[in-house]
Amino acid sequence: MRILLLALAATLLLGCAGSVMNDARTKTPYRTLKSDKPEKVVAQCVQFSWQDEAVFGVDAGAYLQPGEKGGSTVYTRAAESFVDVTTDAASGTVLSYYAQQDDFVAKRRLAALATCL
């Protein structure tokens, strides 16, 4: 029963976050970064760094899912911040970081993300 409730909650969360992410993707990312590391390694690192309660407190939730057009997406609750991590043959791993607000938390998430490059 508990697993069913968790699956239902994740599905609802993804549905709400999905529309926010799709809308944000129509605009320019807050920041675009590149890495020589493999896409999966970078995505897992970002998820782990965004789950650091010492840095983000109760807002330390970060979720990893397959990307909309390949790669991976790491996102926070309500997609306040998210990053699409993809592989480009010419550039290596590309990170497109989106944030709903240009505030301290967005900058802190960007700094945590940068540690994964």
PDB file of N, CA and C in Angstrom:
ATOM      1  N   MET A   1       0.825  -1.196   0.000  1.00  0.00           N
ATOM      2  CA  MET A   1       0.000   0.000   0.000  1.00  0.00           C
ATOM      3  C   MET A   1       0.869   1.260   0.000  1.00  0.00           C
ATOM      4  N   ARG A   2       1.911   1.244   0.826  1.00  0.00           N
ATOM      5  CA  ARG A   2       2.793   2.410   0.905  1.00  0.00           C
ATOM      6  C   ARG A   2       3.472   2.669  -0.440  1.00  0.00           C
ATOM      7  N   ILE A   3       3.895   1.619  -1.117  1.00  0.00           N
ATOM      8  CA  ILE A   3       4.550   1.767  -2.418  1.00  0.00           C
ATOM      9  C   ILE A   3       3.569   2.366  -3.421  1.00  0.00           C
ATOM     10  N   LEU A   4       2.332   1.932  -3.373  1.00  0.00           N
ATOM     11  CA  LEU A   4       1.307   2.456  -4.269  1.00  0.00           C
ATOM     12  C   LEU A   4       1.093   3.947  -4.027  1.00  0.00           C
ATOM     13  N   LEU A   5       1.039   4.354  -2.777  1.00  0.00           N
ATOM     14  CA  LEU A   5       0.862   5.770  -2.450  1.00  0.00           C
ATOM     15  C   LEU A   5       2.058   6.594  -2.910  1.00  0.00           C
ATOM     16  N   LEU A   6       3.265   6.076  -2.735  1.00  0.00           N
ATOM     17  CA  LEU A   6       4.460   6.778  -3.193  1.00  0.00           C
ATOM     18  C   LEU A   6       4.463   6.917  -4.713  1.00  0.00           C
ATOM     19  N   ALA A   7       4.065   5.870  -5.415  1.00  0.00           N
ATOM     20  CA  ALA A   7       4.001   5.917  -6.877  1.00  0.00           C
ATOM     21  C   ALA A   7       2.966   6.940  -7.336  1.00  0.00           C
ATOM     22  N   LEU A   8       1.823   6.976  -6.677  1.00  0.00           N
ATOM     23  CA  LEU A   8       0.779   7.940  -7.010  1.00  0.00           C
ATOM     24  C   LEU A   8       1.264   9.361  -6.760  1.00  0.00           C
ATOM     25  N   ALA A   9       1.911   9.595  -5.641  1.00  0.00           N
ATOM     26  CA  ALA A   9       2.440  10.927  -5.330  1.00  0.00           C
ATOM     27  C   ALA A   9       3.481  11.357  -6.357  1.00  0.00           C
ATOM     28  N   ALA A  10       4.354  10.451  -6.746  1.00  0.00           N
ATOM     29  CA  ALA A  10       5.381  10.770  -7.755  1.00  0.00           C
ATOM     30  C   ALA A  10       4.740  11.111  -9.093  1.00  0.00           C
ATOM     31  N   THR A  11       3.703  10.396  -9.458  1.00  0.00           N
ATOM     32  CA  THR A  11       3.008  10.662 -10.721  1.00  0.00           C
ATOM     33  C   THR A  11       2.351  12.032 -10.696  1.00  0.00           C
ATOM     34  N   LEU A  12       1.699  12.381  -9.598  1.00  0.00           N
ATOM     35  CA  LEU A  12       1.066  13.689  -9.484  1.00  0.00           C
ATOM     36  C   LEU A  12       2.105  14.803  -9.507  1.00  0.00           C
ATOM     37  N   LEU A  13       3.211  14.584  -8.804  1.00  0.00           N
ATOM     38  CA  LEU A  13       4.282  15.567  -8.770  1.00  0.00           C
ATOM     39  C   LEU A  13       4.850  15.787 -10.163  1.00  0.00           C
ATOM     40  N   LEU A  14       5.071  14.730 -10.882  1.00  0.00           N
ATOM     41  CA  LEU A  14       5.618  14.813 -12.231  1.00  0.00           C
ATOM     42  C   LEU A  14       4.656  15.538 -13.162  1.00  0.00           C
ATOM     43  N   GLY A  15       3.369  15.291 -13.017  1.00  0.00           N
ATOM     44  CA  GLY A  15       2.386  15.950 -13.871  1.00  0.00           C
ATOM     45  C   GLY A  15       2.402  17.454 -13.704  1.00  0.00           C
ATOM     46  N   CYS A  16       2.436  17.936 -12.472  1.00  0.00           N
ATOM     47  CA  CYS A  16       2.483  19.376 -12.211  1.00  0.00           C
ATOM     48  C   CYS A  16       3.803  19.964 -12.672  1.00  0.00           C
ATOM     49  N   ALA A  17       4.880  19.276 -12.339  1.00  0.00           N
ATOM     50  CA  ALA A  17       6.206  19.765 -12.702  1.00  0.00           C
ATOM     51  C   ALA A  17       6.387  19.756 -14.204  1.00  0.00           C
ATOM     52  N   GLY A  18       5.801  18.778 -14.896  1.00  0.00           N
ATOM     53  CA  GLY A  18       5.967  18.659 -16.336  1.00  0.00           C
ATOM     54  C   GLY A  18       5.487  19.880 -17.097  1.00  0.00           C
ATOM     55  N   SER A  19       4.334  20.428 -16.740  1.00  0.00           N
ATOM     56  CA  SER A  19       3.826  21.598 -17.456  1.00  0.00           C
ATOM     57  C   SER A  19       4.686  22.825 -17.180  1.00  0.00           C
ATOM     58  N   VAL A  20       5.176  22.957 -15.962  1.00  0.00           N
ATOM     59  CA  VAL A  20       6.069  24.068 -15.620  1.00  0.00           C
ATOM     60  C   VAL A  20       7.365  23.946 -16.412  1.00  0.00           C
ATOM     61  N   MET A  21       7.901  22.727 -16.495  1.00  0.00           N
ATOM     62  CA  MET A  21       9.146  22.515 -17.230  1.00  0.00           C
ATOM     63  C   MET A  21       8.947  22.778 -18.723  1.00  0.00           C
ATOM     64  N   ASN A  22       7.858  22.296 -19.286  1.00  0.00           N
ATOM     65  CA  ASN A  22       7.608  22.517 -20.713  1.00  0.00           C
ATOM     66  C   ASN A  22       7.501  24.001 -21.028  1.00  0.00           C
ATOM     67  N   ASP A  23       6.847  24.752 -20.164  1.00  0.00           N
ATOM     68  CA  ASP A  23       6.740  26.196 -20.357  1.00  0.00           C
ATOM     69  C   ASP A  23       8.124  26.851 -20.267  1.00  0.00           C
ATOM     70  N   ALA A  24       8.921  26.469 -19.291  1.00  0.00           N
ATOM     71  CA  ALA A  24      10.259  27.054 -19.120  1.00  0.00           C
ATOM     72  C   ALA A  24      11.152  26.753 -20.311  1.00  0.00           C
ATOM     73  N   ARG A  25      11.010  25.581 -20.889  1.00  0.00           N
ATOM     74  CA  ARG A  25      11.847  25.173 -22.033  1.00  0.00           C
ATOM     75  C   ARG A  25      11.577  26.018 -23.282  1.00  0.00           C
ATOM     76  N   THR A  26      10.477  26.744 -23.317  1.00  0.00           N
ATOM     77  CA  THR A  26      10.217  27.617 -24.458  1.00  0.00           C
ATOM     78  C   THR A  26      11.024  28.906 -24.357  1.00  0.00           C
ATOM     79  N   LYS A  27      11.669  29.115 -23.211  1.00  0.00           N
ATOM     80  CA  LYS A  27      12.472  30.315 -22.979  1.00  0.00           C
ATOM     81  C   LYS A  27      13.956  29.936 -22.914  1.00  0.00           C
ATOM     82  N   THR A  28      14.805  30.923 -22.872  1.00  0.00           N
ATOM     83  CA  THR A  28      16.244  30.709 -22.747  1.00  0.00           C
ATOM     84  C   THR A  28      16.563  30.180 -21.353  1.00  0.00           C
ATOM     85  N   PRO A  29      17.433  29.165 -21.237  1.00  0.00           N
ATOM     86  CA  PRO A  29      17.814  28.672 -19.905  1.00  0.00           C
ATOM     87  C   PRO A  29      18.458  29.775 -19.064  1.00  0.00           C
ATOM     88  N   TYR A  30      18.321  29.656 -17.762  1.00  0.00           N
ATOM     89  CA  TYR A  30      18.966  30.563 -16.814  1.00  0.00           C
ATOM     90  C   TYR A  30      20.476  30.525 -17.034  1.00  0.00           C
ATOM     91  N   ARG A  31      20.999  29.312 -17.296  1.00  0.00           N
ATOM     92  CA  ARG A  31      22.428  29.147 -17.587  1.00  0.00           C
ATOM     93  C   ARG A  31      22.620  27.855 -18.358  1.00  0.00           C
ATOM     94  N   THR A  32      23.551  27.853 -19.301  1.00  0.00           N
ATOM     95  CA  THR A  32      23.928  26.652 -20.030  1.00  0.00           C
ATOM     96  C   THR A  32      25.394  26.354 -19.731  1.00  0.00           C
ATOM     97  N   LEU A  33      25.660  25.124 -19.324  1.00  0.00           N
ATOM     98  CA  LEU A  33      27.013  24.707 -18.952  1.00  0.00           C
ATOM     99  C   LEU A  33      27.393  23.461 -19.720  1.00  0.00           C
ATOM    100  N   LYS A  34      28.696  23.164 -19.752  1.00  0.00           N
ATOM    101  CA  LYS A  34      29.185  21.974 -20.443  1.00  0.00           C
ATOM    102  C   LYS A  34      30.109  21.184 -19.533  1.00  0.00           C
ATOM    103  N   SER A  35      30.173  19.874 -19.788  1.00  0.00           N
ATOM    104  CA  SER A  35      31.035  18.989 -19.022  1.00  0.00           C
ATOM    105  C   SER A  35      31.624  17.926 -19.938  1.00  0.00           C
ATOM    106  N   ASP A  36      32.787  17.436 -19.569  1.00  0.00           N
ATOM    107  CA  ASP A  36      33.401  16.322 -20.290  1.00  0.00           C
ATOM    108  C   ASP A  36      32.973  14.974 -19.715  1.00  0.00           C
ATOM    109  N   LYS A  37      32.277  15.003 -18.575  1.00  0.00           N
ATOM    110  CA  LYS A  37      31.850  13.763 -17.920  1.00  0.00           C
ATOM    111  C   LYS A  37      30.622  13.189 -18.631  1.00  0.00           C
ATOM    112  N   PRO A  38      30.384  11.879 -18.485  1.00  0.00           N
ATOM    113  CA  PRO A  38      29.193  11.267 -19.087  1.00  0.00           C
ATOM    114  C   PRO A  38      27.900  11.847 -18.505  1.00  0.00           C
ATOM    115  N   GLU A  39      26.885  11.925 -19.336  1.00  0.00           N
ATOM    116  CA  GLU A  39      25.594  12.506 -18.955  1.00  0.00           C
ATOM    117  C   GLU A  39      25.012  11.884 -17.692  1.00  0.00           C
ATOM    118  N   LYS A  40      24.997  10.573 -17.607  1.00  0.00           N
ATOM    119  CA  LYS A  40      24.392   9.900 -16.437  1.00  0.00           C
ATOM    120  C   LYS A  40      25.129  10.254 -15.149  1.00  0.00           C
ATOM    121  N   VAL A  41      26.464  10.321 -15.216  1.00  0.00           N
ATOM    122  CA  VAL A  41      27.274  10.660 -14.043  1.00  0.00           C
ATOM    123  C   VAL A  41      26.961  12.083 -13.578  1.00  0.00           C
ATOM    124  N   VAL A  42      26.866  12.997 -14.518  1.00  0.00           N
ATOM    125  CA  VAL A  42      26.568  14.392 -14.188  1.00  0.00           C
ATOM    126  C   VAL A  42      25.168  14.502 -13.587  1.00  0.00           C
ATOM    127  N   ALA A  43      24.183  13.862 -14.198  1.00  0.00           N
ATOM    128  CA  ALA A  43      22.800  13.937 -13.710  1.00  0.00           C
ATOM    129  C   ALA A  43      22.677  13.384 -12.290  1.00  0.00           C
ATOM    130  N   GLN A  44      23.308  12.253 -12.027  1.00  0.00           N
ATOM    131  CA  GLN A  44      23.263  11.672 -10.679  1.00  0.00           C
ATOM    132  C   GLN A  44      23.970  12.567  -9.667  1.00  0.00           C
ATOM    133  N   CYS A  45      25.060  13.186 -10.077  1.00  0.00           N
ATOM    134  CA  CYS A  45      25.777  14.103  -9.197  1.00  0.00           C
ATOM    135  C   CYS A  45      24.912  15.307  -8.851  1.00  0.00           C
ATOM    136  N   VAL A  46      24.228  15.872  -9.854  1.00  0.00           N
ATOM    137  CA  VAL A  46      23.352  17.020  -9.608  1.00  0.00           C
ATOM    138  C   VAL A  46      22.234  16.630  -8.646  1.00  0.00           C
ATOM    139  N   GLN A  47      21.621  15.481  -8.883  1.00  0.00           N
ATOM    140  CA  GLN A  47      20.555  15.033  -7.984  1.00  0.00           C
ATOM    141  C   GLN A  47      21.083  14.917  -6.560  1.00  0.00           C
ATOM    142  N   PHE A  48      22.216  14.294  -6.404  1.00  0.00           N
ATOM    143  CA  PHE A  48      22.799  14.116  -5.074  1.00  0.00           C
ATOM    144  C   PHE A  48      23.125  15.474  -4.433  1.00  0.00           C
ATOM    145  N   SER A  49      23.715  16.388  -5.196  1.00  0.00           N
ATOM    146  CA  SER A  49      24.096  17.685  -4.618  1.00  0.00           C
ATOM    147  C   SER A  49      22.872  18.509  -4.235  1.00  0.00           C
ATOM    148  N   TRP A  50      21.774  18.384  -4.994  1.00  0.00           N
ATOM    149  CA  TRP A  50      20.562  19.124  -4.669  1.00  0.00           C
ATOM    150  C   TRP A  50      19.800  18.510  -3.498  1.00  0.00           C
ATOM    151  N   GLN A  51      20.174  17.305  -3.089  1.00  0.00           N
ATOM    152  CA  GLN A  51      19.517  16.654  -1.946  1.00  0.00           C
ATOM    153  C   GLN A  51      20.252  16.911  -0.632  1.00  0.00           C
ATOM    154  N   ASP A  52      21.213  17.802  -0.637  1.00  0.00           N
ATOM    155  CA  ASP A  52      22.014  18.086   0.551  1.00  0.00           C
ATOM    156  C   ASP A  52      21.214  18.955   1.515  1.00  0.00           C
ATOM    157  N   GLU A  53      20.700  18.349   2.576  1.00  0.00           N
ATOM    158  CA  GLU A  53      19.883  19.073   3.541  1.00  0.00           C
ATOM    159  C   GLU A  53      20.673  20.141   4.278  1.00  0.00           C
ATOM    160  N   ALA A  54      21.981  19.962   4.428  1.00  0.00           N
ATOM    161  CA  ALA A  54      22.800  20.978   5.084  1.00  0.00           C
ATOM    162  C   ALA A  54      22.812  22.272   4.280  1.00  0.00           C
ATOM    163  N   VAL A  55      22.639  22.169   2.971  1.00  0.00           N
ATOM    164  CA  VAL A  55      22.635  23.348   2.100  1.00  0.00           C
ATOM    165  C   VAL A  55      21.219  23.849   1.843  1.00  0.00           C
ATOM    166  N   PHE A  56      20.282  22.935   1.553  1.00  0.00           N
ATOM    167  CA  PHE A  56      18.943  23.327   1.119  1.00  0.00           C
ATOM    168  C   PHE A  56      17.846  23.111   2.154  1.00  0.00           C
ATOM    169  N   GLY A  57      18.194  22.566   3.313  1.00  0.00           N
ATOM    170  CA  GLY A  57      17.214  22.370   4.372  1.00  0.00           C
ATOM    171  C   GLY A  57      16.071  21.476   3.935  1.00  0.00           C
ATOM    172  N   VAL A  58      14.847  21.855   4.308  1.00  0.00           N
ATOM    173  CA  VAL A  58      13.686  21.032   3.995  1.00  0.00           C
ATOM    174  C   VAL A  58      13.363  21.034   2.507  1.00  0.00           C
ATOM    175  N   ASP A  59      13.962  21.948   1.763  1.00  0.00           N
ATOM    176  CA  ASP A  59      13.738  22.025   0.320  1.00  0.00           C
ATOM    177  C   ASP A  59      14.751  21.193  -0.457  1.00  0.00           C
ATOM    178  N   ALA A  60      15.287  20.158   0.166  1.00  0.00           N
ATOM    179  CA  ALA A  60      16.381  19.389  -0.430  1.00  0.00           C
ATOM    180  C   ALA A  60      15.919  18.251  -1.330  1.00  0.00           C
ATOM    181  N   GLY A  61      14.678  18.239  -1.726  1.00  0.00           N
ATOM    182  CA  GLY A  61      14.207  17.183  -2.610  1.00  0.00           C
ATOM    183  C   GLY A  61      14.687  17.408  -4.038  1.00  0.00           C
ATOM    184  N   ALA A  62      15.184  16.364  -4.659  1.00  0.00           N
ATOM    185  CA  ALA A  62      15.588  16.426  -6.069  1.00  0.00           C
ATOM    186  C   ALA A  62      15.254  15.092  -6.702  1.00  0.00           C
ATOM    187  N   TYR A  63      14.708  15.132  -7.893  1.00  0.00           N
ATOM    188  CA  TYR A  63      14.210  13.940  -8.558  1.00  0.00           C
ATOM    189  C   TYR A  63      14.877  13.803  -9.918  1.00  0.00           C
ATOM    190  N   LEU A  64      15.128  12.579 -10.315  1.00  0.00           N
ATOM    191  CA  LEU A  64      15.796  12.285 -11.585  1.00  0.00           C
ATOM    192  C   LEU A  64      14.850  11.485 -12.462  1.00  0.00           C
ATOM    193  N   GLN A  65      14.708  11.915 -13.704  1.00  0.00           N
ATOM    194  CA  GLN A  65      13.850  11.192 -14.642  1.00  0.00           C
ATOM    195  C   GLN A  65      14.490  11.250 -16.024  1.00  0.00           C
ATOM    196  N   PRO A  66      14.071  10.365 -16.927  1.00  0.00           N
ATOM    197  CA  PRO A  66      14.564  10.459 -18.310  1.00  0.00           C
ATOM    198  C   PRO A  66      14.185  11.815 -18.896  1.00  0.00           C
ATOM    199  N   GLY A  67      15.076  12.380 -19.689  1.00  0.00           N
ATOM    200  CA  GLY A  67      14.831  13.685 -20.299  1.00  0.00           C
ATOM    201  C   GLY A  67      13.761  13.630 -21.363  1.00  0.00           C
ATOM    202  N   GLU A  68      13.185  14.766 -21.656  1.00  0.00           N
ATOM    203  CA  GLU A  68      12.110  14.862 -22.646  1.00  0.00           C
ATOM    204  C   GLU A  68      12.587  14.434 -24.042  1.00  0.00           C
ATOM    205  N   LYS A  69      13.810  14.808 -24.391  1.00  0.00           N
ATOM    206  CA  LYS A  69      14.356  14.473 -25.708  1.00  0.00           C
ATOM    207  C   LYS A  69      15.674  13.719 -25.548  1.00  0.00           C
ATOM    208  N   GLY A  70      15.684  12.721 -24.673  1.00  0.00           N
ATOM    209  CA  GLY A  70      16.898  11.969 -24.380  1.00  0.00           C
ATOM    210  C   GLY A  70      17.614  12.585 -23.191  1.00  0.00           C
ATOM    211  N   GLY A  71      18.655  11.918 -22.744  1.00  0.00           N
ATOM    212  CA  GLY A  71      19.381  12.416 -21.580  1.00  0.00           C
ATOM    213  C   GLY A  71      18.581  12.259 -20.305  1.00  0.00           C
ATOM    214  N   SER A  72      18.771  13.178 -19.381  1.00  0.00           N
ATOM    215  CA  SER A  72      18.117  13.130 -18.079  1.00  0.00           C
ATOM    216  C   SER A  72      17.668  14.522 -17.666  1.00  0.00           C
ATOM    217  N   THR A  73      16.687  14.559 -16.774  1.00  0.00           N
ATOM    218  CA  THR A  73      16.247  15.808 -16.165  1.00  0.00           C
ATOM    219  C   THR A  73      16.270  15.617 -14.654  1.00  0.00           C
ATOM    220  N   VAL A  74      16.881  16.575 -13.967  1.00  0.00           N
ATOM    221  CA  VAL A  74      16.869  16.610 -12.506  1.00  0.00           C
ATOM    222  C   VAL A  74      16.029  17.827 -12.134  1.00  0.00           C
ATOM    223  N   TYR A  75      15.060  17.635 -11.237  1.00  0.00           N
ATOM    224  CA  TYR A  75      14.178  18.741 -10.894  1.00  0.00           C
ATOM    225  C   TYR A  75      13.845  18.749  -9.416  1.00  0.00           C
ATOM    226  N   THR A  76      13.442  19.914  -8.924  1.00  0.00           N
ATOM    227  CA  THR A  76      13.022  20.076  -7.536  1.00  0.00           C
ATOM    228  C   THR A  76      11.500  20.060  -7.484  1.00  0.00           C
ATOM    229  N   ARG A  77      10.984  20.073  -6.291  1.00  0.00           N
ATOM    230  CA  ARG A  77       9.542  20.090  -6.094  1.00  0.00           C
ATOM    231  C   ARG A  77       8.934  21.265  -6.846  1.00  0.00           C
ATOM    232  N   ALA A  78       7.870  21.020  -7.566  1.00  0.00           N
ATOM    233  CA  ALA A  78       7.169  22.019  -8.376  1.00  0.00           C
ATOM    234  C   ALA A  78       8.060  22.605  -9.467  1.00  0.00           C
ATOM    235  N   ALA A  79       9.159  21.934  -9.764  1.00  0.00           N
ATOM    236  CA  ALA A  79      10.098  22.349 -10.818  1.00  0.00           C
ATOM    237  C   ALA A  79      10.557  23.794 -10.637  1.00  0.00           C
ATOM    238  N   GLU A  80      10.753  24.193  -9.369  1.00  0.00           N
ATOM    239  CA  GLU A  80      11.269  25.542  -9.116  1.00  0.00           C
ATOM    240  C   GLU A  80      12.622  25.719  -9.781  1.00  0.00           C
ATOM    241  N   SER A  81      13.401  24.655  -9.792  1.00  0.00           N
ATOM    242  CA  SER A  81      14.664  24.599 -10.521  1.00  0.00           C
ATOM    243  C   SER A  81      14.741  23.235 -11.183  1.00  0.00           C
ATOM    244  N   PHE A  82      15.290  23.203 -12.396  1.00  0.00           N
ATOM    245  CA  PHE A  82      15.541  21.919 -13.026  1.00  0.00           C
ATOM    246  C   PHE A  82      16.649  22.070 -14.051  1.00  0.00           C
ATOM    247  N   VAL A  83      17.254  20.956 -14.380  1.00  0.00           N
ATOM    248  CA  VAL A  83      18.325  20.956 -15.358  1.00  0.00           C
ATOM    249  C   VAL A  83      18.130  19.787 -16.315  1.00  0.00           C
ATOM    250  N   ASP A  84      18.195  20.094 -17.610  1.00  0.00           N
ATOM    251  CA  ASP A  84      18.189  19.060 -18.637  1.00  0.00           C
ATOM    252  C   ASP A  84      19.655  18.735 -18.930  1.00  0.00           C
ATOM    253  N   VAL A  85      20.011  17.471 -18.801  1.00  0.00           N
ATOM    254  CA  VAL A  85      21.387  17.021 -19.037  1.00  0.00           C
ATOM    255  C   VAL A  85      21.360  16.135 -20.278  1.00  0.00           C
ATOM    256  N   THR A  86      22.010  16.597 -21.341  1.00  0.00           N
ATOM    257  CA  THR A  86      22.000  15.872 -22.605  1.00  0.00           C
ATOM    258  C   THR A  86      23.423  15.704 -23.126  1.00  0.00           C
ATOM    259  N   THR A  87      23.550  14.831 -24.109  1.00  0.00           N
ATOM    260  CA  THR A  87      24.840  14.611 -24.744  1.00  0.00           C
ATOM    261  C   THR A  87      24.793  15.167 -26.151  1.00  0.00           C
ATOM    262  N   ASP A  88      25.801  15.960 -26.472  1.00  0.00           N
ATOM    263  CA  ASP A  88      25.946  16.536 -27.805  1.00  0.00           C
ATOM    264  C   ASP A  88      27.274  16.029 -28.366  1.00  0.00           C
ATOM    265  N   ALA A  89      27.237  15.470 -29.562  1.00  0.00           N
ATOM    266  CA  ALA A  89      28.443  14.879 -30.153  1.00  0.00           C
ATOM    267  C   ALA A  89      29.595  15.878 -30.221  1.00  0.00           C
ATOM    268  N   ALA A  90      29.291  17.133 -30.510  1.00  0.00           N
ATOM    269  CA  ALA A  90      30.347  18.137 -30.652  1.00  0.00           C
ATOM    270  C   ALA A  90      30.771  18.751 -29.317  1.00  0.00           C
ATOM    271  N   SER A  91      29.831  18.868 -28.366  1.00  0.00           N
ATOM    272  CA  SER A  91      30.104  19.598 -27.124  1.00  0.00           C
ATOM    273  C   SER A  91      30.289  18.725 -25.900  1.00  0.00           C
ATOM    274  N   GLY A  92      30.001  17.452 -25.981  1.00  0.00           N
ATOM    275  CA  GLY A  92      30.040  16.601 -24.786  1.00  0.00           C
ATOM    276  C   GLY A  92      28.705  16.678 -24.068  1.00  0.00           C
ATOM    277  N   THR A  93      28.744  16.735 -22.764  1.00  0.00           N
ATOM    278  CA  THR A  93      27.523  16.816 -21.957  1.00  0.00           C
ATOM    279  C   THR A  93      27.129  18.285 -21.789  1.00  0.00           C
ATOM    280  N   VAL A  94      25.877  18.579 -22.090  1.00  0.00           N
ATOM    281  CA  VAL A  94      25.361  19.947 -22.015  1.00  0.00           C
ATOM    282  C   VAL A  94      24.299  19.994 -20.927  1.00  0.00           C
ATOM    283  N   LEU A  95      24.387  20.988 -20.050  1.00  0.00           N
ATOM    284  CA  LEU A  95      23.426  21.179 -18.970  1.00  0.00           C
ATOM    285  C   LEU A  95      22.673  22.471 -19.214  1.00  0.00           C
ATOM    286  N   SER A  96      21.362  22.377 -19.371  1.00  0.00           N
ATOM    287  CA  SER A  96      20.509  23.556 -19.524  1.00  0.00           C
ATOM    288  C   SER A  96      19.756  23.730 -18.213  1.00  0.00           C
ATOM    289  N   TYR A  97      20.145  24.746 -17.445  1.00  0.00           N
ATOM    290  CA  TYR A  97      19.592  24.976 -16.111  1.00  0.00           C
ATOM    291  C   TYR A  97      18.507  26.041 -16.171  1.00  0.00           C
ATOM    292  N   TYR A  98      17.351  25.712 -15.606  1.00  0.00           N
ATOM    293  CA  TYR A  98      16.210  26.619 -15.566  1.00  0.00           C
ATOM    294  C   TYR A  98      15.833  26.890 -14.113  1.00  0.00           C
ATOM    295  N   ALA A  99      15.475  28.132 -13.810  1.00  0.00           N
ATOM    296  CA  ALA A  99      15.024  28.497 -12.470  1.00  0.00           C
ATOM    297  C   ALA A  99      13.836  29.433 -12.600  1.00  0.00           C
ATOM    298  N   GLN A 100      12.801  29.212 -11.795  1.00  0.00           N
ATOM    299  CA  GLN A 100      11.611  30.062 -11.856  1.00  0.00           C
ATOM    300  C   GLN A 100      11.904  31.463 -11.351  1.00  0.00           C
ATOM    301  N   GLN A 101      12.797  31.563 -10.372  1.00  0.00           N
ATOM    302  CA  GLN A 101      13.142  32.856  -9.781  1.00  0.00           C
ATOM    303  C   GLN A 101      14.646  33.089  -9.898  1.00  0.00           C
ATOM    304  N   ASP A 102      15.049  34.327 -10.059  1.00  0.00           N
ATOM    305  CA  ASP A 102      16.464  34.687 -10.021  1.00  0.00           C
ATOM    306  C   ASP A 102      16.754  35.149  -8.598  1.00  0.00           C
ATOM    307  N   ASP A 103      16.900  34.169  -7.698  1.00  0.00           N
ATOM    308  CA  ASP A 103      17.084  34.491  -6.291  1.00  0.00           C
ATOM    309  C   ASP A 103      18.252  33.699  -5.700  1.00  0.00           C
ATOM    310  N   PHE A 104      18.427  33.820  -4.407  1.00  0.00           N
ATOM    311  CA  PHE A 104      19.524  33.165  -3.703  1.00  0.00           C
ATOM    312  C   PHE A 104      19.478  31.646  -3.865  1.00  0.00           C
ATOM    313  N   VAL A 105      18.306  31.071  -3.781  1.00  0.00           N
ATOM    314  CA  VAL A 105      18.172  29.617  -3.896  1.00  0.00           C
ATOM    315  C   VAL A 105      18.564  29.153  -5.300  1.00  0.00           C
ATOM    316  N   ALA A 106      18.139  29.888  -6.320  1.00  0.00           N
ATOM    317  CA  ALA A 106      18.505  29.530  -7.695  1.00  0.00           C
ATOM    318  C   ALA A 106      20.015  29.582  -7.885  1.00  0.00           C
ATOM    319  N   LYS A 107      20.643  30.587  -7.322  1.00  0.00           N
ATOM    320  CA  LYS A 107      22.098  30.713  -7.425  1.00  0.00           C
ATOM    321  C   LYS A 107      22.806  29.608  -6.634  1.00  0.00           C
ATOM    322  N   ARG A 108      22.235  29.240  -5.514  1.00  0.00           N
ATOM    323  CA  ARG A 108      22.812  28.168  -4.704  1.00  0.00           C
ATOM    324  C   ARG A 108      22.700  26.832  -5.428  1.00  0.00           C
ATOM    325  N   ARG A 109      21.577  26.580  -6.068  1.00  0.00           N
ATOM    326  CA  ARG A 109      21.417  25.355  -6.849  1.00  0.00           C
ATOM    327  C   ARG A 109      22.382  25.349  -8.032  1.00  0.00           C
ATOM    328  N   LEU A 110      22.579  26.493  -8.655  1.00  0.00           N
ATOM    329  CA  LEU A 110      23.534  26.600  -9.762  1.00  0.00           C
ATOM    330  C   LEU A 110      24.954  26.288  -9.262  1.00  0.00           C
ATOM    331  N   ALA A 111      25.312  26.797  -8.106  1.00  0.00           N
ATOM    332  CA  ALA A 111      26.643  26.528  -7.543  1.00  0.00           C
ATOM    333  C   ALA A 111      26.811  25.039  -7.236  1.00  0.00           C
ATOM    334  N   ALA A 112      25.778  24.417  -6.696  1.00  0.00           N
ATOM    335  CA  ALA A 112      25.839  22.983  -6.413  1.00  0.00           C
ATOM    336  C   ALA A 112      25.960  22.194  -7.705  1.00  0.00           C
ATOM    337  N   LEU A 113      25.224  22.605  -8.712  1.00  0.00           N
ATOM    338  CA  LEU A 113      25.282  21.955 -10.027  1.00  0.00           C
ATOM    339  C   LEU A 113      26.695  22.077 -10.613  1.00  0.00           C
ATOM    340  N   ALA A 114      27.312  23.233 -10.463  1.00  0.00           N
ATOM    341  CA  ALA A 114      28.640  23.469 -11.035  1.00  0.00           C
ATOM    342  C   ALA A 114      29.700  22.547 -10.435  1.00  0.00           C
ATOM    343  N   THR A 115      29.479  22.041  -9.243  1.00  0.00           N
ATOM    344  CA  THR A 115      30.453  21.124  -8.636  1.00  0.00           C
ATOM    345  C   THR A 115      30.471  19.776  -9.370  1.00  0.00           C
ATOM    346  N   CYS A 116      29.484  19.535 -10.205  1.00  0.00           N
ATOM    347  CA  CYS A 116      29.371  18.252 -10.914  1.00  0.00           C
ATOM    348  C   CYS A 116      30.002  18.277 -12.310  1.00  0.00           C
ATOM    349  N   LEU A 117      30.487  19.419 -12.721  1.00  0.00           N
ATOM    350  CA  LEU A 117      31.054  19.528 -14.058  1.00  0.00           C
ATOM    351  C   LEU A 117      32.375  18.818 -14.122  1.00  0.00           C
TER     352      LEU A 117
END
